[in-house]
Amino acid sequence: MVKWLVVIVLMVLVIGLFRPGLARLRIGHLPGDLHFRLFGRAFHLPFTSTILLSLVAWAILRAL
């Protein structure tokens, strides 16, 4: 359970860092990804994209 939590946190971080490049692929804009503005700052929490990319990574590692 802790491994999945670490993976999800790392995926959120990676998606946040590479968000401009991933925007062309529509990753980070899926239903379930939260976008909101608070105190003049924009926050993006790509929950659905993180789960999707985690499943893809799991499938790739499982195939190896």
PDB file of N, CA and C in Angstrom:
ATOM      1  N   MET A   1       0.827  -1.195   0.000  1.00  0.00           N
ATOM      2  CA  MET A   1       0.000   0.000   0.000  1.00  0.00           C
ATOM      3  C   MET A   1       0.871   1.259   0.000  1.00  0.00           C
ATOM      4  N   VAL A   2       1.932   1.234   0.754  1.00  0.00           N
ATOM      5  CA  VAL A   2       2.823   2.392   0.832  1.00  0.00           C
ATOM      6  C   VAL A   2       3.526   2.605  -0.509  1.00  0.00           C
ATOM      7  N   LYS A   3       3.858   1.507  -1.202  1.00  0.00           N
ATOM      8  CA  LYS A   3       4.509   1.637  -2.504  1.00  0.00           C
ATOM      9  C   LYS A   3       3.611   2.379  -3.483  1.00  0.00           C
ATOM     10  N   TRP A   4       2.326   2.056  -3.485  1.00  0.00           N
ATOM     11  CA  TRP A   4       1.405   2.725  -4.396  1.00  0.00           C
ATOM     12  C   TRP A   4       1.260   4.195  -4.043  1.00  0.00           C
ATOM     13  N   LEU A   5       1.259   4.504  -2.777  1.00  0.00           N
ATOM     14  CA  LEU A   5       1.166   5.905  -2.361  1.00  0.00           C
ATOM     15  C   LEU A   5       2.384   6.688  -2.850  1.00  0.00           C
ATOM     16  N   VAL A   6       3.555   6.096  -2.729  1.00  0.00           N
ATOM     17  CA  VAL A   6       4.784   6.733  -3.208  1.00  0.00           C
ATOM     18  C   VAL A   6       4.724   6.914  -4.718  1.00  0.00           C
ATOM     19  N   VAL A   7       4.264   5.885  -5.430  1.00  0.00           N
ATOM     20  CA  VAL A   7       4.163   5.964  -6.884  1.00  0.00           C
ATOM     21  C   VAL A   7       3.196   7.070  -7.295  1.00  0.00           C
ATOM     22  N   ILE A   8       2.070   7.157  -6.632  1.00  0.00           N
ATOM     23  CA  ILE A   8       1.078   8.182  -6.975  1.00  0.00           C
ATOM     24  C   ILE A   8       1.621   9.579  -6.713  1.00  0.00           C
ATOM     25  N   VAL A   9       2.288   9.769  -5.590  1.00  0.00           N
ATOM     26  CA  VAL A   9       2.874  11.080  -5.279  1.00  0.00           C
ATOM     27  C   VAL A   9       3.935  11.447  -6.314  1.00  0.00           C
ATOM     28  N   LEU A  10       4.777  10.502  -6.692  1.00  0.00           N
ATOM     29  CA  LEU A  10       5.808  10.776  -7.690  1.00  0.00           C
ATOM     30  C   LEU A  10       5.196  11.083  -9.055  1.00  0.00           C
ATOM     31  N   MET A  11       4.140  10.379  -9.413  1.00  0.00           N
ATOM     32  CA  MET A  11       3.494  10.640 -10.692  1.00  0.00           C
ATOM     33  C   MET A  11       2.848  12.027 -10.709  1.00  0.00           C
ATOM     34  N   VAL A  12       2.247  12.437  -9.605  1.00  0.00           N
ATOM     35  CA  VAL A  12       1.678  13.789  -9.529  1.00  0.00           C
ATOM     36  C   VAL A  12       2.786  14.819  -9.701  1.00  0.00           C
ATOM     37  N   LEU A  13       3.925  14.591  -9.078  1.00  0.00           N
ATOM     38  CA  LEU A  13       5.052  15.506  -9.208  1.00  0.00           C
ATOM     39  C   LEU A  13       5.556  15.563 -10.646  1.00  0.00           C
ATOM     40  N   VAL A  14       5.735  14.406 -11.268  1.00  0.00           N
ATOM     41  CA  VAL A  14       6.235  14.354 -12.649  1.00  0.00           C
ATOM     42  C   VAL A  14       5.253  15.012 -13.600  1.00  0.00           C
ATOM     43  N   ILE A  15       3.981  14.712 -13.441  1.00  0.00           N
ATOM     44  CA  ILE A  15       2.980  15.326 -14.321  1.00  0.00           C
ATOM     45  C   ILE A  15       2.956  16.832 -14.127  1.00  0.00           C
ATOM     46  N   GLY A  16       3.103  17.279 -12.900  1.00  0.00           N
ATOM     47  CA  GLY A  16       3.133  18.717 -12.642  1.00  0.00           C
ATOM     48  C   GLY A  16       4.324  19.401 -13.285  1.00  0.00           C
ATOM     49  N   LEU A  17       5.475  18.740 -13.257  1.00  0.00           N
ATOM     50  CA  LEU A  17       6.678  19.326 -13.841  1.00  0.00           C
ATOM     51  C   LEU A  17       6.642  19.344 -15.363  1.00  0.00           C
ATOM     52  N   PHE A  18       6.104  18.293 -15.953  1.00  0.00           N
ATOM     53  CA  PHE A  18       6.077  18.175 -17.402  1.00  0.00           C
ATOM     54  C   PHE A  18       4.721  18.537 -17.993  1.00  0.00           C
ATOM     55  N   ARG A  19       3.926  19.262 -17.244  1.00  0.00           N
ATOM     56  CA  ARG A  19       2.577  19.604 -17.656  1.00  0.00           C
ATOM     57  C   ARG A  19       2.508  20.328 -18.995  1.00  0.00           C
ATOM     58  N   PRO A  20       3.365  21.309 -19.284  1.00  0.00           N
ATOM     59  CA  PRO A  20       3.262  21.989 -20.587  1.00  0.00           C
ATOM     60  C   PRO A  20       3.470  21.034 -21.772  1.00  0.00           C
ATOM     61  N   GLY A  21       4.410  20.131 -21.665  1.00  0.00           N
ATOM     62  CA  GLY A  21       4.647  19.173 -22.753  1.00  0.00           C
ATOM     63  C   GLY A  21       3.551  18.130 -22.857  1.00  0.00           C
ATOM     64  N   LEU A  22       2.986  17.753 -21.725  1.00  0.00           N
ATOM     65  CA  LEU A  22       1.927  16.752 -21.722  1.00  0.00           C
ATOM     66  C   LEU A  22       0.583  17.328 -22.146  1.00  0.00           C
ATOM     67  N   ALA A  23       0.450  18.639 -22.147  1.00  0.00           N
ATOM     68  CA  ALA A  23      -0.817  19.264 -22.525  1.00  0.00           C
ATOM     69  C   ALA A  23      -1.171  18.964 -23.978  1.00  0.00           C
ATOM     70  N   ARG A  24      -0.157  18.806 -24.827  1.00  0.00           N
ATOM     71  CA  ARG A  24      -0.429  18.472 -26.221  1.00  0.00           C
ATOM     72  C   ARG A  24      -1.032  17.082 -26.350  1.00  0.00           C
ATOM     73  N   LEU A  25      -0.741  16.188 -25.412  1.00  0.00           N
ATOM     74  CA  LEU A  25      -1.286  14.831 -25.426  1.00  0.00           C
ATOM     75  C   LEU A  25      -2.600  14.735 -24.667  1.00  0.00           C
ATOM     76  N   ARG A  26      -3.062  15.845 -24.116  1.00  0.00           N
ATOM     77  CA  ARG A  26      -4.294  15.942 -23.315  1.00  0.00           C
ATOM     78  C   ARG A  26      -4.176  15.199 -21.986  1.00  0.00           C
ATOM     79  N   ILE A  27      -2.963  14.864 -21.562  1.00  0.00           N
ATOM     80  CA  ILE A  27      -2.766  14.274 -20.239  1.00  0.00           C
ATOM     81  C   ILE A  27      -2.712  15.428 -19.251  1.00  0.00           C
ATOM     82  N   GLY A  28      -3.473  15.335 -18.197  1.00  0.00           N
ATOM     83  CA  GLY A  28      -3.583  16.425 -17.242  1.00  0.00           C
ATOM     84  C   GLY A  28      -4.876  17.194 -17.417  1.00  0.00           C
ATOM     85  N   HIS A  29      -5.641  16.827 -18.447  1.00  0.00           N
ATOM     86  CA  HIS A  29      -6.923  17.477 -18.701  1.00  0.00           C
ATOM     87  C   HIS A  29      -8.043  16.448 -18.793  1.00  0.00           C
ATOM     88  N   LEU A  30      -7.876  15.317 -18.156  1.00  0.00           N
ATOM     89  CA  LEU A  30      -8.895  14.274 -18.175  1.00  0.00           C
ATOM     90  C   LEU A  30      -9.971  14.577 -17.141  1.00  0.00           C
ATOM     91  N   PRO A  31     -11.149  13.983 -17.301  1.00  0.00           N
ATOM     92  CA  PRO A  31     -12.165  14.142 -16.254  1.00  0.00           C
ATOM     93  C   PRO A  31     -11.639  13.562 -14.943  1.00  0.00           C
ATOM     94  N   GLY A  32     -11.748  14.286 -13.886  1.00  0.00           N
ATOM     95  CA  GLY A  32     -11.214  13.850 -12.602  1.00  0.00           C
ATOM     96  C   GLY A  32      -9.938  14.578 -12.220  1.00  0.00           C
ATOM     97  N   ASP A  33      -9.324  15.268 -13.165  1.00  0.00           N
ATOM     98  CA  ASP A  33      -8.172  16.107 -12.865  1.00  0.00           C
ATOM     99  C   ASP A  33      -8.708  17.450 -12.373  1.00  0.00           C
ATOM    100  N   LEU A  34      -8.221  17.886 -11.243  1.00  0.00           N
ATOM    101  CA  LEU A  34      -8.740  19.112 -10.639  1.00  0.00           C
ATOM    102  C   LEU A  34      -7.901  20.313 -11.046  1.00  0.00           C
ATOM    103  N   HIS A  35      -8.583  21.382 -11.417  1.00  0.00           N
ATOM    104  CA  HIS A  35      -7.947  22.660 -11.752  1.00  0.00           C
ATOM    105  C   HIS A  35      -8.709  23.732 -10.998  1.00  0.00           C
ATOM    106  N   PHE A  36      -8.015  24.484 -10.156  1.00  0.00           N
ATOM    107  CA  PHE A  36      -8.700  25.555  -9.437  1.00  0.00           C
ATOM    108  C   PHE A  36      -7.720  26.678  -9.126  1.00  0.00           C
ATOM    109  N   ARG A  37      -8.270  27.834  -8.822  1.00  0.00           N
ATOM    110  CA  ARG A  37      -7.484  29.019  -8.506  1.00  0.00           C
ATOM    111  C   ARG A  37      -7.798  29.407  -7.065  1.00  0.00           C
ATOM    112  N   LEU A  38      -6.741  29.627  -6.276  1.00  0.00           N
ATOM    113  CA  LEU A  38      -6.897  29.966  -4.869  1.00  0.00           C
ATOM    114  C   LEU A  38      -5.886  31.049  -4.523  1.00  0.00           C
ATOM    115  N   PHE A  39      -6.366  32.154  -4.001  1.00  0.00           N
ATOM    116  CA  PHE A  39      -5.519  33.292  -3.625  1.00  0.00           C
ATOM    117  C   PHE A  39      -4.656  33.771  -4.794  1.00  0.00           C
ATOM    118  N   GLY A  40      -5.220  33.746  -6.003  1.00  0.00           N
ATOM    119  CA  GLY A  40      -4.516  34.247  -7.170  1.00  0.00           C
ATOM    120  C   GLY A  40      -3.540  33.268  -7.798  1.00  0.00           C
ATOM    121  N   ARG A  41      -3.437  32.066  -7.290  1.00  0.00           N
ATOM    122  CA  ARG A  41      -2.541  31.054  -7.857  1.00  0.00           C
ATOM    123  C   ARG A  41      -3.361  29.924  -8.453  1.00  0.00           C
ATOM    124  N   ALA A  42      -2.884  29.384  -9.548  1.00  0.00           N
ATOM    125  CA  ALA A  42      -3.565  28.262 -10.197  1.00  0.00           C
ATOM    126  C   ALA A  42      -2.965  26.955  -9.686  1.00  0.00           C
ATOM    127  N   PHE A  43      -3.816  26.022  -9.328  1.00  0.00           N
ATOM    128  CA  PHE A  43      -3.395  24.708  -8.859  1.00  0.00           C
ATOM    129  C   PHE A  43      -3.976  23.650  -9.783  1.00  0.00           C
ATOM    130  N   HIS A  44      -3.160  22.670 -10.115  1.00  0.00           N
ATOM    131  CA  HIS A  44      -3.580  21.573 -10.983  1.00  0.00           C
ATOM    132  C   HIS A  44      -3.227  20.270 -10.269  1.00  0.00           C
ATOM    133  N   LEU A  45      -4.236  19.456 -10.022  1.00  0.00           N
ATOM    134  CA  LEU A  45      -4.046  18.167  -9.360  1.00  0.00           C
ATOM    135  C   LEU A  45      -4.532  17.076 -10.312  1.00  0.00           C
ATOM    136  N   PRO A  46      -3.610  16.460 -11.043  1.00  0.00           N
ATOM    137  CA  PRO A  46      -3.995  15.494 -12.081  1.00  0.00           C
ATOM    138  C   PRO A  46      -4.212  14.084 -11.527  1.00  0.00           C
ATOM    139  N   PHE A  47      -5.284  13.883 -10.764  1.00  0.00           N
ATOM    140  CA  PHE A  47      -5.528  12.585 -10.142  1.00  0.00           C
ATOM    141  C   PHE A  47      -5.796  11.488 -11.172  1.00  0.00           C
ATOM    142  N   THR A  48      -6.684  11.729 -12.108  1.00  0.00           N
ATOM    143  CA  THR A  48      -7.033  10.712 -13.098  1.00  0.00           C
ATOM    144  C   THR A  48      -5.849  10.399 -13.999  1.00  0.00           C
ATOM    145  N   SER A  49      -5.120  11.415 -14.415  1.00  0.00           N
ATOM    146  CA  SER A  49      -3.940  11.198 -15.256  1.00  0.00           C
ATOM    147  C   SER A  49      -2.887  10.383 -14.514  1.00  0.00           C
ATOM    148  N   THR A  50      -2.741  10.637 -13.234  1.00  0.00           N
ATOM    149  CA  THR A  50      -1.769   9.894 -12.429  1.00  0.00           C
ATOM    150  C   THR A  50      -2.139   8.422 -12.354  1.00  0.00           C
ATOM    151  N   ILE A  51      -3.405   8.144 -12.120  1.00  0.00           N
ATOM    152  CA  ILE A  51      -3.842   6.753 -12.046  1.00  0.00           C
ATOM    153  C   ILE A  51      -3.667   6.073 -13.398  1.00  0.00           C
ATOM    154  N   LEU A  52      -4.016   6.754 -14.470  1.00  0.00           N
ATOM    155  CA  LEU A  52      -3.868   6.192 -15.805  1.00  0.00           C
ATOM    156  C   LEU A  52      -2.407   5.892 -16.119  1.00  0.00           C
ATOM    157  N   LEU A  53      -1.514   6.836 -15.857  1.00  0.00           N
ATOM    158  CA  LEU A  53      -0.090   6.618 -16.117  1.00  0.00           C
ATOM    159  C   LEU A  53       0.498   5.556 -15.197  1.00  0.00           C
ATOM    160  N   SER A  54       0.012   5.435 -13.982  1.00  0.00           N
ATOM    161  CA  SER A  54       0.464   4.390 -13.072  1.00  0.00           C
ATOM    162  C   SER A  54       0.069   3.014 -13.595  1.00  0.00           C
ATOM    163  N   LEU A  55      -1.136   2.911 -14.110  1.00  0.00           N
ATOM    164  CA  LEU A  55      -1.583   1.635 -14.683  1.00  0.00           C
ATOM    165  C   LEU A  55      -0.769   1.265 -15.921  1.00  0.00           C
ATOM    166  N   VAL A  56      -0.450   2.254 -16.739  1.00  0.00           N
ATOM    167  CA  VAL A  56       0.381   1.998 -17.916  1.00  0.00           C
ATOM    168  C   VAL A  56       1.770   1.547 -17.487  1.00  0.00           C
ATOM    169  N   ALA A  57       2.368   2.212 -16.525  1.00  0.00           N
ATOM    170  CA  ALA A  57       3.693   1.831 -16.025  1.00  0.00           C
ATOM    171  C   ALA A  57       3.653   0.434 -15.414  1.00  0.00           C
ATOM    172  N   TRP A  58       2.586   0.118 -14.671  1.00  0.00           N
ATOM    173  CA  TRP A  58       2.441  -1.202 -14.076  1.00  0.00           C
ATOM    174  C   TRP A  58       2.352  -2.275 -15.149  1.00  0.00           C
ATOM    175  N   ALA A  59       1.574  -2.003 -16.198  1.00  0.00           N
ATOM    176  CA  ALA A  59       1.417  -2.974 -17.286  1.00  0.00           C
ATOM    177  C   ALA A  59       2.740  -3.211 -18.014  1.00  0.00           C
ATOM    178  N   ILE A  60       3.495  -2.148 -18.216  1.00  0.00           N
ATOM    179  CA  ILE A  60       4.794  -2.290 -18.883  1.00  0.00           C
ATOM    180  C   ILE A  60       5.749  -3.100 -18.023  1.00  0.00           C
ATOM    181  N   LEU A  61       5.816  -2.795 -16.744  1.00  0.00           N
ATOM    182  CA  LEU A  61       6.714  -3.533 -15.855  1.00  0.00           C
ATOM    183  C   LEU A  61       6.260  -4.973 -15.693  1.00  0.00           C
ATOM    184  N   ARG A  62       4.972  -5.205 -15.714  1.00  0.00           N
ATOM    185  CA  ARG A  62       4.427  -6.563 -15.595  1.00  0.00           C
ATOM    186  C   ARG A  62       4.793  -7.406 -16.813  1.00  0.00           C
ATOM    187  N   ALA A  63       4.835  -6.750 -17.992  1.00  0.00           N
ATOM    188  CA  ALA A  63       5.158  -7.446 -19.241  1.00  0.00           C
ATOM    189  C   ALA A  63       6.632  -7.821 -19.310  1.00  0.00           C
ATOM    190  N   LEU A  64       7.456  -7.091 -18.597  1.00  0.00           N
ATOM    191  CA  LEU A  64       8.891  -7.403 -18.628  1.00  0.00           C
ATOM    192  C   LEU A  64       9.104  -8.588 -17.752  1.00  0.00           C
TER     193      LEU A  64
END
